Amino acid sequence: MVSRLTLFLKSTVAKMTMTLEQTRQAIIDRMQSFTGITQDRIQYPNLPGFNVPKDGVWCRLTIAGGPSFT
């Protein structure tokens, strides 16, 4: 069974613009603060040497590109 966890960023500043790099870093920071799974079971983008656990749950963080909202 495959489950998907979607994390949405909350902005407290209206009409705040972010660069793509700032957005990417904010997503990674949010995932690093997530306590629902241990960090050694999260595969981050471009992280070398991740080994998929033989048992239990694990997840892969994928940041998919898309069009700008501006």
C-alpha atoms as a PDB file:
ATOM      1  CA  MET A   1       0.000   0.000   0.000  1.00  0.00           C
ATOM      2  CA  VAL A   2       1.329   3.413  -0.944  1.00  0.00           C
ATOM      3  CA  SER A   3       0.394   6.479   1.064  1.00  0.00           C
ATOM      4  CA  ARG A   4       1.171  10.069   0.254  1.00  0.00           C
ATOM      5  CA  LEU A   5       1.921  12.781   2.775  1.00  0.00           C
ATOM      6  CA  THR A   6       1.515  16.314   1.488  1.00  0.00           C
ATOM      7  CA  LEU A   7       2.968  19.168   3.498  1.00  0.00           C
ATOM      8  CA  PHE A   8       1.753  22.674   2.764  1.00  0.00           C
ATOM      9  CA  LEU A   9       3.761  25.730   3.703  1.00  0.00           C
ATOM     10  CA  LYS A  10       1.988  28.388   5.737  1.00  0.00           C
ATOM     11  CA  SER A  11       2.967  31.960   5.044  1.00  0.00           C
ATOM     12  CA  THR A  12       2.236  34.616   7.638  1.00  0.00           C
ATOM     13  CA  VAL A  13       3.088  37.404   5.217  1.00  0.00           C
ATOM     14  CA  ALA A  14       0.623  38.235   2.457  1.00  0.00           C
ATOM     15  CA  LYS A  15       2.016  38.410  -1.078  1.00  0.00           C
ATOM     16  CA  MET A  16       5.430  37.183   0.015  1.00  0.00           C
ATOM     17  CA  THR A  17       7.528  36.004  -2.903  1.00  0.00           C
ATOM     18  CA  MET A  18      10.172  33.318  -2.644  1.00  0.00           C
ATOM     19  CA  THR A  19      12.825  32.165  -5.038  1.00  0.00           C
ATOM     20  CA  LEU A  20      12.760  28.528  -6.120  1.00  0.00           C
ATOM     21  CA  GLU A  21      15.786  27.857  -3.901  1.00  0.00           C
ATOM     22  CA  GLN A  22      14.069  29.443  -0.883  1.00  0.00           C
ATOM     23  CA  THR A  23      10.986  27.350  -1.558  1.00  0.00           C
ATOM     24  CA  ARG A  24      13.045  24.167  -1.865  1.00  0.00           C
ATOM     25  CA  GLN A  25      14.838  24.905   1.396  1.00  0.00           C
ATOM     26  CA  ALA A  26      11.554  25.701   3.186  1.00  0.00           C
ATOM     27  CA  ILE A  27      10.128  22.330   2.106  1.00  0.00           C
ATOM     28  CA  ILE A  28      13.230  20.494   3.327  1.00  0.00           C
ATOM     29  CA  ASP A  29      13.215  22.442   6.626  1.00  0.00           C
ATOM     30  CA  ARG A  30       9.567  21.522   7.137  1.00  0.00           C
ATOM     31  CA  MET A  31      10.279  17.844   6.483  1.00  0.00           C
ATOM     32  CA  GLN A  32      13.237  17.905   8.880  1.00  0.00           C
ATOM     33  CA  SER A  33      10.955  19.225  11.637  1.00  0.00           C
ATOM     34  CA  PHE A  34       8.340  16.523  10.935  1.00  0.00           C
ATOM     35  CA  THR A  35       8.195  14.093  13.869  1.00  0.00           C
ATOM     36  CA  GLY A  36       5.873  11.476  12.370  1.00  0.00           C
ATOM     37  CA  ILE A  37       8.809   9.385  11.105  1.00  0.00           C
ATOM     38  CA  THR A  38      12.450   9.180  12.145  1.00  0.00           C
ATOM     39  CA  GLN A  39      14.870  11.131   9.971  1.00  0.00           C
ATOM     40  CA  ASP A  40      16.911   8.050   9.059  1.00  0.00           C
ATOM     41  CA  ARG A  41      13.825   6.701   7.259  1.00  0.00           C
ATOM     42  CA  ILE A  42      13.424   9.754   5.008  1.00  0.00           C
ATOM     43  CA  GLN A  43      15.144   9.810   1.637  1.00  0.00           C
ATOM     44  CA  TYR A  44      15.911  13.429   0.785  1.00  0.00           C
ATOM     45  CA  PRO A  45      16.657  14.583  -2.785  1.00  0.00           C
ATOM     46  CA  ASN A  46      20.281  14.054  -3.803  1.00  0.00           C
ATOM     47  CA  LEU A  47      21.136  12.350  -0.498  1.00  0.00           C
ATOM     48  CA  PRO A  48      23.858   9.818  -1.252  1.00  0.00           C
ATOM     49  CA  GLY A  49      23.940   6.451   0.449  1.00  0.00           C
ATOM     50  CA  PHE A  50      20.303   6.103   1.511  1.00  0.00           C
ATOM     51  CA  ASN A  51      19.456   2.465   2.167  1.00  0.00           C
ATOM     52  CA  VAL A  52      15.806   1.460   2.063  1.00  0.00           C
ATOM     53  CA  PRO A  53      14.931  -0.235   5.380  1.00  0.00           C
ATOM     54  CA  LYS A  54      14.047  -3.931   5.113  1.00  0.00           C
ATOM     55  CA  ASP A  55      11.031  -3.526   7.395  1.00  0.00           C
ATOM     56  CA  GLY A  56       8.801  -0.724   8.599  1.00  0.00           C
ATOM     57  CA  VAL A  57       7.804   2.459   6.847  1.00  0.00           C
ATOM     58  CA  TRP A  58      10.045   4.921   5.047  1.00  0.00           C
ATOM     59  CA  CYS A  59       9.407   7.855   2.747  1.00  0.00           C
ATOM     60  CA  ARG A  60      11.025   9.714  -0.128  1.00  0.00           C
ATOM     61  CA  LEU A  61      10.811  13.497  -0.356  1.00  0.00           C
ATOM     62  CA  THR A  62      10.263  14.513  -3.955  1.00  0.00           C
ATOM     63  CA  ILE A  63      10.063  18.179  -4.865  1.00  0.00           C
ATOM     64  CA  ALA A  64       8.344  18.339  -8.231  1.00  0.00           C
ATOM     65  CA  GLY A  65       8.785  21.448 -10.329  1.00  0.00           C
ATOM     66  CA  GLY A  66       5.869  23.358 -11.696  1.00  0.00           C
ATOM     67  CA  PRO A  67       4.774  26.684 -13.113  1.00  0.00           C
ATOM     68  CA  SER A  68       5.141  29.897 -11.169  1.00  0.00           C
ATOM     69  CA  PHE A  69       2.089  31.339  -9.423  1.00  0.00           C
ATOM     70  CA  THR A  70       2.994  34.936 -10.216  1.00  0.00           C
END
